[in-house]
Amino acid sequence: MIGATHVGEVLAFDEARGIGTVRAEDGATLGFHCTQIADGSRTIRVGTRVRYELAASPLGVWEATGLDRVA
């Protein structure tokens, strides 16, 4: 749902390309770009639990934005 915060887990992250995927709690897979990591680090470990929001990408698919690590 747009505007809602979701929780998931980083499934994959390619540091060289700056892109990754998040697996949502419902099993959906969403892409993200390293610029969407909230702390500005531009890197994140596979397996990290994150909160995120949904946004439409320029390619017309949903992606995870504002990724924030869950403590």
PDB file of N, CA and C in Angstrom:
ATOM      1  N   MET A   1       0.840  -1.177   0.000  1.00  0.00           N
ATOM      2  CA  MET A   1       0.000   0.000   0.000  1.00  0.00           C
ATOM      3  C   MET A   1       0.890   1.248   0.000  1.00  0.00           C
ATOM      4  N   ILE A   2       0.609   2.185  -0.849  1.00  0.00           N
ATOM      5  CA  ILE A   2       1.375   3.416  -0.958  1.00  0.00           C
ATOM      6  C   ILE A   2       1.146   4.263   0.289  1.00  0.00           C
ATOM      7  N   GLY A   3       2.218   4.886   0.783  1.00  0.00           N
ATOM      8  CA  GLY A   3       2.129   5.742   1.955  1.00  0.00           C
ATOM      9  C   GLY A   3       2.275   5.000   3.266  1.00  0.00           C
ATOM     10  N   ALA A   4       2.218   3.684   3.221  1.00  0.00           N
ATOM     11  CA  ALA A   4       2.371   2.871   4.425  1.00  0.00           C
ATOM     12  C   ALA A   4       3.818   2.414   4.541  1.00  0.00           C
ATOM     13  N   THR A   5       4.244   2.145   5.750  1.00  0.00           N
ATOM     14  CA  THR A   5       5.572   1.596   5.985  1.00  0.00           C
ATOM     15  C   THR A   5       5.466   0.079   5.985  1.00  0.00           C
ATOM     16  N   HIS A   6       6.389  -0.559   5.307  1.00  0.00           N
ATOM     17  CA  HIS A   6       6.436  -2.010   5.200  1.00  0.00           C
ATOM     18  C   HIS A   6       7.733  -2.515   5.819  1.00  0.00           C
ATOM     19  N   VAL A   7       7.773  -3.791   6.154  1.00  0.00           N
ATOM     20  CA  VAL A   7       8.974  -4.406   6.712  1.00  0.00           C
ATOM     21  C   VAL A   7       9.360  -5.576   5.828  1.00  0.00           C
ATOM     22  N   GLY A   8      10.648  -5.741   5.601  1.00  0.00           N
ATOM     23  CA  GLY A   8      11.143  -6.848   4.793  1.00  0.00           C
ATOM     24  C   GLY A   8      12.593  -7.120   5.108  1.00  0.00           C
ATOM     25  N   GLU A   9      13.214  -7.922   4.259  1.00  0.00           N
ATOM     26  CA  GLU A   9      14.606  -8.326   4.445  1.00  0.00           C
ATOM     27  C   GLU A   9      15.353  -8.154   3.134  1.00  0.00           C
ATOM     28  N   VAL A  10      16.585  -7.629   3.214  1.00  0.00           N
ATOM     29  CA  VAL A  10      17.409  -7.473   2.017  1.00  0.00           C
ATOM     30  C   VAL A  10      17.761  -8.871   1.516  1.00  0.00           C
ATOM     31  N   LEU A  11      17.338  -9.166   0.310  1.00  0.00           N
ATOM     32  CA  LEU A  11      17.534 -10.478  -0.286  1.00  0.00           C
ATOM     33  C   LEU A  11      18.845 -10.536  -1.061  1.00  0.00           C
ATOM     34  N   ALA A  12      19.185  -9.442  -1.723  1.00  0.00           N
ATOM     35  CA  ALA A  12      20.411  -9.367  -2.521  1.00  0.00           C
ATOM     36  C   ALA A  12      20.841  -7.915  -2.616  1.00  0.00           C
ATOM     37  N   PHE A  13      22.167  -7.694  -2.738  1.00  0.00           N
ATOM     38  CA  PHE A  13      22.670  -6.341  -2.962  1.00  0.00           C
ATOM     39  C   PHE A  13      23.974  -6.422  -3.729  1.00  0.00           C
ATOM     40  N   ASP A  14      24.028  -5.753  -4.880  1.00  0.00           N
ATOM     41  CA  ASP A  14      25.217  -5.692  -5.720  1.00  0.00           C
ATOM     42  C   ASP A  14      25.865  -4.329  -5.480  1.00  0.00           C
ATOM     43  N   GLU A  15      26.899  -4.321  -4.668  1.00  0.00           N
ATOM     44  CA  GLU A  15      27.531  -3.055  -4.286  1.00  0.00           C
ATOM     45  C   GLU A  15      28.124  -2.312  -5.486  1.00  0.00           C
ATOM     46  N   ALA A  16      28.688  -3.027  -6.434  1.00  0.00           N
ATOM     47  CA  ALA A  16      29.291  -2.389  -7.611  1.00  0.00           C
ATOM     48  C   ALA A  16      28.250  -1.657  -8.449  1.00  0.00           C
ATOM     49  N   ARG A  17      27.066  -2.235  -8.574  1.00  0.00           N
ATOM     50  CA  ARG A  17      25.993  -1.618  -9.362  1.00  0.00           C
ATOM     51  C   ARG A  17      25.091  -0.727  -8.529  1.00  0.00           C
ATOM     52  N   GLY A  18      25.107  -0.910  -7.207  1.00  0.00           N
ATOM     53  CA  GLY A  18      24.289  -0.084  -6.317  1.00  0.00           C
ATOM     54  C   GLY A  18      22.820  -0.455  -6.315  1.00  0.00           C
ATOM     55  N   ILE A  19      22.507  -1.684  -6.706  1.00  0.00           N
ATOM     56  CA  ILE A  19      21.109  -2.107  -6.720  1.00  0.00           C
ATOM     57  C   ILE A  19      20.921  -3.371  -5.892  1.00  0.00           C
ATOM     58  N   GLY A  20      19.710  -3.521  -5.380  1.00  0.00           N
ATOM     59  CA  GLY A  20      19.412  -4.694  -4.573  1.00  0.00           C
ATOM     60  C   GLY A  20      17.943  -5.019  -4.607  1.00  0.00           C
ATOM     61  N   THR A  21      17.585  -6.052  -3.851  1.00  0.00           N
ATOM     62  CA  THR A  21      16.191  -6.455  -3.740  1.00  0.00           C
ATOM     63  C   THR A  21      15.833  -6.680  -2.281  1.00  0.00           C
ATOM     64  N   VAL A  22      14.571  -6.428  -1.981  1.00  0.00           N
ATOM     65  CA  VAL A  22      14.004  -6.647  -0.657  1.00  0.00           C
ATOM     66  C   VAL A  22      12.880  -7.660  -0.809  1.00  0.00           C
ATOM     67  N   ARG A  23      12.828  -8.619   0.111  1.00  0.00           N
ATOM     68  CA  ARG A  23      11.698  -9.553   0.141  1.00  0.00           C
ATOM     69  C   ARG A  23      10.738  -9.044   1.205  1.00  0.00           C
ATOM     70  N   ALA A  24       9.525  -8.707   0.776  1.00  0.00           N
ATOM     71  CA  ALA A  24       8.500  -8.210   1.688  1.00  0.00           C
ATOM     72  C   ALA A  24       7.968  -9.354   2.542  1.00  0.00           C
ATOM     73  N   GLU A  25       7.279  -9.011   3.619  1.00  0.00           N
ATOM     74  CA  GLU A  25       6.711 -10.025   4.495  1.00  0.00           C
ATOM     75  C   GLU A  25       5.699 -10.909   3.772  1.00  0.00           C
ATOM     76  N   ASP A  26       5.056 -10.374   2.720  1.00  0.00           N
ATOM     77  CA  ASP A  26       4.084 -11.183   1.969  1.00  0.00           C
ATOM     78  C   ASP A  26       4.741 -12.004   0.865  1.00  0.00           C
ATOM     79  N   GLY A  27       6.079 -11.956   0.786  1.00  0.00           N
ATOM     80  CA  GLY A  27       6.816 -12.738  -0.196  1.00  0.00           C
ATOM     81  C   GLY A  27       7.144 -12.016  -1.485  1.00  0.00           C
ATOM     82  N   ALA A  28       6.584 -10.829  -1.686  1.00  0.00           N
ATOM     83  CA  ALA A  28       6.877 -10.050  -2.896  1.00  0.00           C
ATOM     84  C   ALA A  28       8.339  -9.605  -2.890  1.00  0.00           C
ATOM     85  N   THR A  29       8.918  -9.479  -4.074  1.00  0.00           N
ATOM     86  CA  THR A  29      10.295  -9.016  -4.219  1.00  0.00           C
ATOM     87  C   THR A  29      10.280  -7.650  -4.881  1.00  0.00           C
ATOM     88  N   LEU A  30      10.967  -6.697  -4.258  1.00  0.00           N
ATOM     89  CA  LEU A  30      11.016  -5.320  -4.755  1.00  0.00           C
ATOM     90  C   LEU A  30      12.463  -4.893  -4.937  1.00  0.00           C
ATOM     91  N   GLY A  31      12.727  -4.181  -5.996  1.00  0.00           N
ATOM     92  CA  GLY A  31      14.059  -3.648  -6.210  1.00  0.00           C
ATOM     93  C   GLY A  31      14.258  -2.342  -5.451  1.00  0.00           C
ATOM     94  N   PHE A  32      15.531  -1.967  -5.273  1.00  0.00           N
ATOM     95  CA  PHE A  32      15.862  -0.661  -4.703  1.00  0.00           C
ATOM     96  C   PHE A  32      17.235  -0.233  -5.195  1.00  0.00           C
ATOM     97  N   HIS A  33      17.483   1.058  -5.153  1.00  0.00           N
ATOM     98  CA  HIS A  33      18.776   1.628  -5.516  1.00  0.00           C
ATOM     99  C   HIS A  33      19.461   2.094  -4.237  1.00  0.00           C
ATOM    100  N   CYS A  34      20.783   2.073  -4.219  1.00  0.00           N
ATOM    101  CA  CYS A  34      21.535   2.417  -3.010  1.00  0.00           C
ATOM    102  C   CYS A  34      21.240   3.831  -2.501  1.00  0.00           C
ATOM    103  N   THR A  35      20.772   4.722  -3.354  1.00  0.00           N
ATOM    104  CA  THR A  35      20.440   6.073  -2.906  1.00  0.00           C
ATOM    105  C   THR A  35      19.190   6.088  -2.042  1.00  0.00           C
ATOM    106  N   GLN A  36      18.478   4.967  -1.981  1.00  0.00           N
ATOM    107  CA  GLN A  36      17.271   4.877  -1.166  1.00  0.00           C
ATOM    108  C   GLN A  36      17.547   4.363   0.244  1.00  0.00           C
ATOM    109  N   ILE A  37      18.817   4.107   0.586  1.00  0.00           N
ATOM    110  CA  ILE A  37      19.176   3.695   1.942  1.00  0.00           C
ATOM    111  C   ILE A  37      19.197   4.957   2.798  1.00  0.00           C
ATOM    112  N   ALA A  38      18.320   4.997   3.801  1.00  0.00           N
ATOM    113  CA  ALA A  38      18.047   6.230   4.552  1.00  0.00           C
ATOM    114  C   ALA A  38      19.254   6.832   5.250  1.00  0.00           C
ATOM    115  N   ASP A  39      20.197   6.017   5.722  1.00  0.00           N
ATOM    116  CA  ASP A  39      21.323   6.580   6.474  1.00  0.00           C
ATOM    117  C   ASP A  39      22.425   7.145   5.584  1.00  0.00           C
ATOM    118  N   GLY A  40      22.260   7.042   4.254  1.00  0.00           N
ATOM    119  CA  GLY A  40      23.223   7.619   3.324  1.00  0.00           C
ATOM    120  C   GLY A  40      24.460   6.768   3.090  1.00  0.00           C
ATOM    121  N   SER A  41      24.524   5.583   3.660  1.00  0.00           N
ATOM    122  CA  SER A  41      25.727   4.752   3.560  1.00  0.00           C
ATOM    123  C   SER A  41      25.956   4.173   2.167  1.00  0.00           C
ATOM    124  N   ARG A  42      24.889   4.008   1.388  1.00  0.00           N
ATOM    125  CA  ARG A  42      24.939   3.455   0.036  1.00  0.00           C
ATOM    126  C   ARG A  42      25.363   1.993  -0.017  1.00  0.00           C
ATOM    127  N   THR A  43      25.354   1.314   1.112  1.00  0.00           N
ATOM    128  CA  THR A  43      25.608  -0.123   1.148  1.00  0.00           C
ATOM    129  C   THR A  43      24.795  -0.738   2.281  1.00  0.00           C
ATOM    130  N   ILE A  44      24.416  -2.008   2.101  1.00  0.00           N
ATOM    131  CA  ILE A  44      23.630  -2.695   3.112  1.00  0.00           C
ATOM    132  C   ILE A  44      23.886  -4.195   2.971  1.00  0.00           C
ATOM    133  N   ARG A  45      23.913  -4.883   4.083  1.00  0.00           N
ATOM    134  CA  ARG A  45      24.205  -6.315   4.067  1.00  0.00           C
ATOM    135  C   ARG A  45      22.961  -7.137   3.729  1.00  0.00           C
ATOM    136  N   VAL A  46      23.187  -8.214   3.007  1.00  0.00           N
ATOM    137  CA  VAL A  46      22.120  -9.181   2.728  1.00  0.00           C
ATOM    138  C   VAL A  46      21.658  -9.752   4.070  1.00  0.00           C
ATOM    139  N   GLY A  47      20.354  -9.886   4.237  1.00  0.00           N
ATOM    140  CA  GLY A  47      19.792 -10.405   5.477  1.00  0.00           C
ATOM    141  C   GLY A  47      19.348  -9.332   6.450  1.00  0.00           C
ATOM    142  N   THR A  48      19.691  -8.071   6.176  1.00  0.00           N
ATOM    143  CA  THR A  48      19.300  -6.969   7.046  1.00  0.00           C
ATOM    144  C   THR A  48      17.789  -6.749   6.962  1.00  0.00           C
ATOM    145  N   ARG A  49      17.130  -6.670   8.124  1.00  0.00           N
ATOM    146  CA  ARG A  49      15.694  -6.344   8.151  1.00  0.00           C
ATOM    147  C   ARG A  49      15.560  -4.837   8.023  1.00  0.00           C
ATOM    148  N   VAL A  50      14.623  -4.407   7.174  1.00  0.00           N
ATOM    149  CA  VAL A  50      14.446  -2.986   6.881  1.00  0.00           C
ATOM    150  C   VAL A  50      12.974  -2.600   6.884  1.00  0.00           C
ATOM    151  N   ARG A  51      12.731  -1.323   7.172  1.00  0.00           N
ATOM    152  CA  ARG A  51      11.432  -0.687   6.938  1.00  0.00           C
ATOM    153  C   ARG A  51      11.583   0.112   5.653  1.00  0.00           C
ATOM    154  N   TYR A  52      10.507   0.201   4.884  1.00  0.00           N
ATOM    155  CA  TYR A  52      10.575   0.927   3.621  1.00  0.00           C
ATOM    156  C   TYR A  52       9.173   1.343   3.197  1.00  0.00           C
ATOM    157  N   GLU A  53       9.115   2.202   2.202  1.00  0.00           N
ATOM    158  CA  GLU A  53       7.856   2.600   1.583  1.00  0.00           C
ATOM    159  C   GLU A  53       7.895   2.178   0.123  1.00  0.00           C
ATOM    160  N   LEU A  54       6.749   2.175  -0.513  1.00  0.00           N
ATOM    161  CA  LEU A  54       6.651   1.820  -1.928  1.00  0.00           C
ATOM    162  C   LEU A  54       6.575   3.073  -2.785  1.00  0.00           C
ATOM    163  N   ALA A  55       7.175   2.995  -3.958  1.00  0.00           N
ATOM    164  CA  ALA A  55       7.086   4.083  -4.934  1.00  0.00           C
ATOM    165  C   ALA A  55       7.145   3.467  -6.329  1.00  0.00           C
ATOM    166  N   ALA A  56       6.511   4.113  -7.273  1.00  0.00           N
ATOM    167  CA  ALA A  56       6.584   3.663  -8.663  1.00  0.00           C
ATOM    168  C   ALA A  56       7.908   4.118  -9.259  1.00  0.00           C
ATOM    169  N   SER A  57       8.606   3.202  -9.905  1.00  0.00           N
ATOM    170  CA  SER A  57       9.883   3.542 -10.534  1.00  0.00           C
ATOM    171  C   SER A  57       9.615   4.170 -11.906  1.00  0.00           C
ATOM    172  N   PRO A  58      10.631   4.781 -12.514  1.00  0.00           N
ATOM    173  CA  PRO A  58      10.456   5.333 -13.856  1.00  0.00           C
ATOM    174  C   PRO A  58      10.098   4.259 -14.892  1.00  0.00           C
ATOM    175  N   LEU A  59      10.386   2.993 -14.566  1.00  0.00           N
ATOM    176  CA  LEU A  59      10.070   1.898 -15.488  1.00  0.00           C
ATOM    177  C   LEU A  59       8.660   1.360 -15.273  1.00  0.00           C
ATOM    178  N   GLY A  60       7.924   1.934 -14.318  1.00  0.00           N
ATOM    179  CA  GLY A  60       6.548   1.531 -14.096  1.00  0.00           C
ATOM    180  C   GLY A  60       6.343   0.343 -13.181  1.00  0.00           C
ATOM    181  N   VAL A  61       7.365  -0.039 -12.436  1.00  0.00           N
ATOM    182  CA  VAL A  61       7.235  -1.127 -11.463  1.00  0.00           C
ATOM    183  C   VAL A  61       7.399  -0.554 -10.062  1.00  0.00           C
ATOM    184  N   TRP A  62       6.897  -1.268  -9.060  1.00  0.00           N
ATOM    185  CA  TRP A  62       7.044  -0.820  -7.679  1.00  0.00           C
ATOM    186  C   TRP A  62       8.447  -1.091  -7.176  1.00  0.00           C
ATOM    187  N   GLU A  63       8.986  -0.159  -6.380  1.00  0.00           N
ATOM    188  CA  GLU A  63      10.292  -0.347  -5.770  1.00  0.00           C
ATOM    189  C   GLU A  63      10.254   0.125  -4.327  1.00  0.00           C
ATOM    190  N   ALA A  64      11.215  -0.342  -3.543  1.00  0.00           N
ATOM    191  CA  ALA A  64      11.333   0.037  -2.138  1.00  0.00           C
ATOM    192  C   ALA A  64      12.112   1.351  -2.049  1.00  0.00           C
ATOM    193  N   THR A  65      11.620   2.292  -1.233  1.00  0.00           N
ATOM    194  CA  THR A  65      12.298   3.567  -1.035  1.00  0.00           C
ATOM    195  C   THR A  65      12.433   3.847   0.451  1.00  0.00           C
ATOM    196  N   GLY A  66      13.394   4.683   0.800  1.00  0.00           N
ATOM    197  CA  GLY A  66      13.573   5.089   2.194  1.00  0.00           C
ATOM    198  C   GLY A  66      13.908   3.919   3.108  1.00  0.00           C
ATOM    199  N   LEU A  67      14.782   3.023   2.674  1.00  0.00           N
ATOM    200  CA  LEU A  67      15.122   1.848   3.482  1.00  0.00           C
ATOM    201  C   LEU A  67      15.794   2.266   4.777  1.00  0.00           C
ATOM    202  N   ASP A  68      15.249   1.792   5.879  1.00  0.00           N
ATOM    203  CA  ASP A  68      15.774   2.103   7.207  1.00  0.00           C
ATOM    204  C   ASP A  68      15.945   0.794   7.964  1.00  0.00           C
ATOM    205  N   ARG A  69      17.132   0.558   8.468  1.00  0.00           N
ATOM    206  CA  ARG A  69      17.400  -0.688   9.186  1.00  0.00           C
ATOM    207  C   ARG A  69      16.516  -0.831  10.414  1.00  0.00           C
ATOM    208  N   VAL A  70      16.002  -2.044  10.653  1.00  0.00           N
ATOM    209  CA  VAL A  70      15.207  -2.338  11.830  1.00  0.00           C
ATOM    210  C   VAL A  70      16.155  -2.874  12.892  1.00  0.00           C
ATOM    211  N   ALA A  71      16.131  -2.256  14.060  1.00  0.00           N
ATOM    212  CA  ALA A  71      17.041  -2.671  15.141  1.00  0.00           C
ATOM    213  C   ALA A  71      16.609  -3.956  15.792  1.00  0.00           C
TER     214      ALA A  71
END
